């Protein structure tokens, strides 16, 4: 999949078209696409993996506060926004694909407890690339990651956000 070309090819787009097409890859953070375009794109960035690398480099180079803002732009998993239909289309598909829209009331309660405990400990929501996972594995990841230090968890959240971006770009090849 990573050898397939994105259509339209990122390297052929002007800045406005590029941001329209790829500005939503990082949740509510179009500045990442803007900066990637400003740095420069070429044919290497026309594949999902190539573009994901360029976008990831922008976020990795950002200061801690900007990284935290990107993490905080993500919704709680199986949270109120999901139940009310307020998620982005990508987040809705991703959470539904992991079965989070089919939680029992007891599971929703468990997600809420973990979401609250996680945010109290780290100051940002739990972020996980849930595509290909299920609610049981996600809940287990919550338990494990609650043991991280704040720095470890910020780095883990950024890694997961990069994974989400790559998965979203791969999905755009098949659309």
C-alpha atoms as a PDB file:
ATOM      1  CA  UNK A   1       0.000   0.000   0.000  1.00  0.00           C
ATOM      2  CA  UNK A   2       2.793   2.448   0.814  1.00  0.00           C
ATOM      3  CA  UNK A   3       4.100   2.268  -2.782  1.00  0.00           C
ATOM      4  CA  UNK A   4       0.737   3.386  -4.181  1.00  0.00           C
ATOM      5  CA  UNK A   5       0.435   7.014  -5.162  1.00  0.00           C
ATOM      6  CA  UNK A   6      -1.939   9.445  -3.555  1.00  0.00           C
ATOM      7  CA  UNK A   7      -4.397  11.090  -5.919  1.00  0.00           C
ATOM      8  CA  UNK A   8      -4.024  13.954  -6.291  1.00  0.00           C
ATOM      9  CA  UNK A   9      -0.281  13.782  -5.913  1.00  0.00           C
ATOM     10  CA  UNK A  10       0.786  16.060  -3.055  1.00  0.00           C
ATOM     11  CA  UNK A  11       3.856  17.361  -4.908  1.00  0.00           C
ATOM     12  CA  UNK A  12       1.664  18.747  -7.705  1.00  0.00           C
ATOM     13  CA  UNK A  13      -0.693  20.786  -5.510  1.00  0.00           C
ATOM     14  CA  UNK A  14      -0.508  24.455  -4.648  1.00  0.00           C
ATOM     15  CA  UNK A  15      -0.537  25.295  -0.948  1.00  0.00           C
ATOM     16  CA  UNK A  16      -4.292  25.911  -0.640  1.00  0.00           C
ATOM     17  CA  UNK A  17      -5.199  22.719  -2.490  1.00  0.00           C
ATOM     18  CA  UNK A  18      -2.690  20.694  -0.488  1.00  0.00           C
ATOM     19  CA  UNK A  19      -4.078  21.953   2.817  1.00  0.00           C
ATOM     20  CA  UNK A  20      -7.659  21.303   1.636  1.00  0.00           C
ATOM     21  CA  UNK A  21      -6.715  17.757   0.677  1.00  0.00           C
ATOM     22  CA  UNK A  22      -4.418  16.827   3.583  1.00  0.00           C
ATOM     23  CA  UNK A  23      -4.949  19.417   6.316  1.00  0.00           C
ATOM     24  CA  UNK A  24      -7.288  17.084   8.199  1.00  0.00           C
ATOM     25  CA  UNK A  25      -4.874  14.146   8.426  1.00  0.00           C
ATOM     26  CA  UNK A  26      -3.759  15.395  11.846  1.00  0.00           C
ATOM     27  CA  UNK A  27      -6.900  15.984  13.905  1.00  0.00           C
ATOM     28  CA  UNK A  28      -7.895  19.684  13.841  1.00  0.00           C
ATOM     29  CA  UNK A  29      -4.275  20.662  13.075  1.00  0.00           C
ATOM     30  CA  UNK A  30      -3.994  21.949   9.481  1.00  0.00           C
ATOM     31  CA  UNK A  31      -0.857  23.883  10.437  1.00  0.00           C
ATOM     32  CA  UNK A  32       1.079  20.625  10.064  1.00  0.00           C
ATOM     33  CA  UNK A  33       0.114  20.340   6.398  1.00  0.00           C
ATOM     34  CA  UNK A  34       0.811  24.046   5.888  1.00  0.00           C
ATOM     35  CA  UNK A  35       4.322  23.747   7.275  1.00  0.00           C
ATOM     36  CA  UNK A  36       5.039  20.536   5.349  1.00  0.00           C
ATOM     37  CA  UNK A  37       4.079  22.294   2.121  1.00  0.00           C
ATOM     38  CA  UNK A  38       6.182  25.341   3.091  1.00  0.00           C
ATOM     39  CA  UNK A  39       9.227  23.110   3.675  1.00  0.00           C
ATOM     40  CA  UNK A  40       8.747  21.594   0.226  1.00  0.00           C
ATOM     41  CA  UNK A  41       7.298  18.479  -1.305  1.00  0.00           C
ATOM     42  CA  UNK A  42       8.568  16.424  -4.199  1.00  0.00           C
ATOM     43  CA  UNK A  43       7.777  13.057  -5.799  1.00  0.00           C
ATOM     44  CA  UNK A  44       8.992  11.214  -2.664  1.00  0.00           C
ATOM     45  CA  UNK A  45       5.966  12.661  -0.861  1.00  0.00           C
ATOM     46  CA  UNK A  46       3.390  11.333  -3.344  1.00  0.00           C
ATOM     47  CA  UNK A  47       2.974   8.027  -1.471  1.00  0.00           C
ATOM     48  CA  UNK A  48       1.207   7.619   1.868  1.00  0.00           C
ATOM     49  CA  UNK A  49       4.481   6.692   3.598  1.00  0.00           C
ATOM     50  CA  UNK A  50       6.407   9.562   2.019  1.00  0.00           C
ATOM     51  CA  UNK A  51       3.807  12.154   2.897  1.00  0.00           C
ATOM     52  CA  UNK A  52       3.366  10.683   6.374  1.00  0.00           C
ATOM     53  CA  UNK A  53       7.116  11.092   6.949  1.00  0.00           C
ATOM     54  CA  UNK A  54       7.004  14.747   5.850  1.00  0.00           C
ATOM     55  CA  UNK A  55       4.023  15.518   8.078  1.00  0.00           C
ATOM     56  CA  UNK A  56       5.531  13.632  11.026  1.00  0.00           C
ATOM     57  CA  UNK A  57       8.764  15.619  10.729  1.00  0.00           C
ATOM     58  CA  UNK A  58       6.789  18.843  11.188  1.00  0.00           C
ATOM     59  CA  UNK A  59       5.104  17.630  14.363  1.00  0.00           C
ATOM     60  CA  UNK A  60       8.317  16.101  15.697  1.00  0.00           C
ATOM     61  CA  UNK A  61      10.102  19.451  15.228  1.00  0.00           C
ATOM     62  CA  UNK A  62       7.343  21.380  17.018  1.00  0.00           C
ATOM     63  CA  UNK A  63       7.829  22.519  20.581  1.00  0.00           C
ATOM     64  CA  UNK A  64       6.239  20.582  23.422  1.00  0.00           C
ATOM     65  CA  UNK A  65       3.274  22.978  23.784  1.00  0.00           C
ATOM     66  CA  UNK A  66       2.387  22.670  20.103  1.00  0.00           C
ATOM     67  CA  UNK A  67       2.674  18.868  20.318  1.00  0.00           C
ATOM     68  CA  UNK A  68       0.409  18.874  23.365  1.00  0.00           C
ATOM     69  CA  UNK A  69      -2.130  20.984  21.457  1.00  0.00           C
ATOM     70  CA  UNK A  70      -2.232  18.327  18.717  1.00  0.00           C
ATOM     71  CA  UNK A  71      -2.691  15.570  21.289  1.00  0.00           C
ATOM     72  CA  UNK A  72      -5.450  17.577  22.985  1.00  0.00           C
ATOM     73  CA  UNK A  73      -7.237  17.979  19.632  1.00  0.00           C
ATOM     74  CA  UNK A  74      -8.091  14.266  19.736  1.00  0.00           C
ATOM     75  CA  UNK A  75     -11.409  13.084  21.148  1.00  0.00           C
ATOM     76  CA  UNK A  76     -11.825  10.668  24.014  1.00  0.00           C
ATOM     77  CA  UNK A  77     -12.248   7.088  22.859  1.00  0.00           C
ATOM     78  CA  UNK A  78     -15.876   5.995  23.319  1.00  0.00           C
ATOM     79  CA  UNK A  79     -16.504   9.411  24.852  1.00  0.00           C
ATOM     80  CA  UNK A  80     -19.357  11.899  24.822  1.00  0.00           C
ATOM     81  CA  UNK A  81     -18.404  13.299  21.408  1.00  0.00           C
ATOM     82  CA  UNK A  82     -18.641   9.815  19.918  1.00  0.00           C
ATOM     83  CA  UNK A  83     -22.035   9.168  21.485  1.00  0.00           C
ATOM     84  CA  UNK A  84     -23.392  12.538  20.320  1.00  0.00           C
ATOM     85  CA  UNK A  85     -22.045  12.223  16.753  1.00  0.00           C
ATOM     86  CA  UNK A  86     -19.622  15.157  17.140  1.00  0.00           C
ATOM     87  CA  UNK A  87     -16.474  13.378  15.900  1.00  0.00           C
ATOM     88  CA  UNK A  88     -14.738  14.043  12.591  1.00  0.00           C
ATOM     89  CA  UNK A  89     -15.658  11.586   9.838  1.00  0.00           C
ATOM     90  CA  UNK A  90     -12.243   9.891  10.163  1.00  0.00           C
ATOM     91  CA  UNK A  91     -12.541   9.508  13.951  1.00  0.00           C
ATOM     92  CA  UNK A  92     -16.095   8.181  13.635  1.00  0.00           C
ATOM     93  CA  UNK A  93     -14.973   5.498  11.136  1.00  0.00           C
ATOM     94  CA  UNK A  94     -11.926   4.576  13.204  1.00  0.00           C
ATOM     95  CA  UNK A  95     -13.798   4.230  16.485  1.00  0.00           C
ATOM     96  CA  UNK A  96     -16.669   2.323  14.854  1.00  0.00           C
ATOM     97  CA  UNK A  97     -14.163   0.020  13.137  1.00  0.00           C
ATOM     98  CA  UNK A  98     -12.799  -0.913  16.561  1.00  0.00           C
ATOM     99  CA  UNK A  99     -16.320  -1.586  17.828  1.00  0.00           C
ATOM    100  CA  UNK A 100     -16.366   1.376  20.190  1.00  0.00           C
ATOM    101  CA  UNK A 101     -19.859   2.266  18.992  1.00  0.00           C
ATOM    102  CA  UNK A 102     -21.053  -1.129  20.251  1.00  0.00           C
ATOM    103  CA  UNK A 103     -19.882  -0.906  23.857  1.00  0.00           C
ATOM    104  CA  UNK A 104     -22.177  -2.083  26.613  1.00  0.00           C
ATOM    105  CA  UNK A 105     -23.085   0.478  29.269  1.00  0.00           C
ATOM    106  CA  UNK A 106     -20.541  -1.166  31.584  1.00  0.00           C
ATOM    107  CA  UNK A 107     -17.830  -0.811  28.910  1.00  0.00           C
ATOM    108  CA  UNK A 108     -18.768   2.835  28.283  1.00  0.00           C
ATOM    109  CA  UNK A 109     -18.473   3.432  32.025  1.00  0.00           C
ATOM    110  CA  UNK A 110     -15.049   1.777  32.061  1.00  0.00           C
ATOM    111  CA  UNK A 111     -13.899   3.930  29.114  1.00  0.00           C
ATOM    112  CA  UNK A 112     -15.138   7.056  30.931  1.00  0.00           C
ATOM    113  CA  UNK A 113     -13.259   6.101  34.114  1.00  0.00           C
ATOM    114  CA  UNK A 114     -10.064   5.439  32.166  1.00  0.00           C
ATOM    115  CA  UNK A 115     -10.451   8.618  30.083  1.00  0.00           C
ATOM    116  CA  UNK A 116     -10.893  10.669  33.265  1.00  0.00           C
ATOM    117  CA  UNK A 117      -7.977   8.992  35.079  1.00  0.00           C
ATOM    118  CA  UNK A 118      -5.729   9.361  32.039  1.00  0.00           C
ATOM    119  CA  UNK A 119      -6.510  13.067  31.579  1.00  0.00           C
ATOM    120  CA  UNK A 120      -6.034  13.698  35.297  1.00  0.00           C
ATOM    121  CA  UNK A 121      -2.604  12.038  35.157  1.00  0.00           C
ATOM    122  CA  UNK A 122      -1.313  13.436  31.849  1.00  0.00           C
ATOM    123  CA  UNK A 123      -3.400  16.517  31.034  1.00  0.00           C
ATOM    124  CA  UNK A 124      -4.419  15.264  27.597  1.00  0.00           C
ATOM    125  CA  UNK A 125      -6.669  12.565  26.150  1.00  0.00           C
ATOM    126  CA  UNK A 126      -5.601   8.975  25.550  1.00  0.00           C
ATOM    127  CA  UNK A 127      -4.685   8.622  21.873  1.00  0.00           C
ATOM    128  CA  UNK A 128      -4.379   5.277  20.162  1.00  0.00           C
ATOM    129  CA  UNK A 129      -4.491   4.234  16.524  1.00  0.00           C
ATOM    130  CA  UNK A 130      -7.496   1.949  16.956  1.00  0.00           C
ATOM    131  CA  UNK A 131      -7.794   0.667  13.402  1.00  0.00           C
ATOM    132  CA  UNK A 132      -7.384  -3.113  13.498  1.00  0.00           C
ATOM    133  CA  UNK A 133      -7.891  -3.196  17.263  1.00  0.00           C
ATOM    134  CA  UNK A 134     -10.919  -3.837  19.439  1.00  0.00           C
ATOM    135  CA  UNK A 135     -12.301  -2.407  22.665  1.00  0.00           C
ATOM    136  CA  UNK A 136     -10.686  -5.122  24.806  1.00  0.00           C
ATOM    137  CA  UNK A 137      -7.183  -4.377  23.493  1.00  0.00           C
ATOM    138  CA  UNK A 138      -7.825  -0.648  23.808  1.00  0.00           C
ATOM    139  CA  UNK A 139      -8.865  -0.994  27.449  1.00  0.00           C
ATOM    140  CA  UNK A 140      -5.753  -3.094  28.114  1.00  0.00           C
ATOM    141  CA  UNK A 141      -3.610  -0.374  26.501  1.00  0.00           C
ATOM    142  CA  UNK A 142      -5.222   2.213  28.788  1.00  0.00           C
ATOM    143  CA  UNK A 143      -4.177   0.163  31.826  1.00  0.00           C
ATOM    144  CA  UNK A 144      -0.612  -0.248  30.581  1.00  0.00           C
ATOM    145  CA  UNK A 145      -0.120   3.346  29.499  1.00  0.00           C
ATOM    146  CA  UNK A 146      -1.465   4.793  32.742  1.00  0.00           C
ATOM    147  CA  UNK A 147       1.818   3.495  34.234  1.00  0.00           C
ATOM    148  CA  UNK A 148       3.975   5.653  31.900  1.00  0.00           C
ATOM    149  CA  UNK A 149       5.720   8.826  32.963  1.00  0.00           C
ATOM    150  CA  UNK A 150       4.295  12.029  31.442  1.00  0.00           C
ATOM    151  CA  UNK A 151       7.231  12.313  29.002  1.00  0.00           C
ATOM    152  CA  UNK A 152       6.939   8.665  27.936  1.00  0.00           C
ATOM    153  CA  UNK A 153       3.243   9.092  27.380  1.00  0.00           C
ATOM    154  CA  UNK A 154       3.586  12.303  25.373  1.00  0.00           C
ATOM    155  CA  UNK A 155       6.044  10.494  23.097  1.00  0.00           C
ATOM    156  CA  UNK A 156       3.732   7.462  22.876  1.00  0.00           C
ATOM    157  CA  UNK A 157       0.761   9.685  22.025  1.00  0.00           C
ATOM    158  CA  UNK A 158       2.760  11.400  19.248  1.00  0.00           C
ATOM    159  CA  UNK A 159       3.814   7.993  17.859  1.00  0.00           C
ATOM    160  CA  UNK A 160       0.172   6.907  17.849  1.00  0.00           C
ATOM    161  CA  UNK A 161      -0.859  10.146  16.125  1.00  0.00           C
ATOM    162  CA  UNK A 162       1.743   9.520  13.422  1.00  0.00           C
ATOM    163  CA  UNK A 163       0.337   5.995  12.999  1.00  0.00           C
ATOM    164  CA  UNK A 164      -3.194   7.403  12.695  1.00  0.00           C
ATOM    165  CA  UNK A 165      -1.977   9.820  10.010  1.00  0.00           C
ATOM    166  CA  UNK A 166      -0.338   7.035   7.988  1.00  0.00           C
ATOM    167  CA  UNK A 167      -3.460   4.880   8.251  1.00  0.00           C
ATOM    168  CA  UNK A 168      -5.613   7.801   7.108  1.00  0.00           C
ATOM    169  CA  UNK A 169      -3.319   8.450   4.155  1.00  0.00           C
ATOM    170  CA  UNK A 170      -3.366   4.749   3.223  1.00  0.00           C
ATOM    171  CA  UNK A 171      -7.180   4.887   3.285  1.00  0.00           C
ATOM    172  CA  UNK A 172      -7.127   7.736   0.790  1.00  0.00           C
ATOM    173  CA  UNK A 173      -5.342   5.575  -1.765  1.00  0.00           C
ATOM    174  CA  UNK A 174      -8.218   3.106  -1.813  1.00  0.00           C
ATOM    175  CA  UNK A 175     -11.041   5.664  -1.871  1.00  0.00           C
END
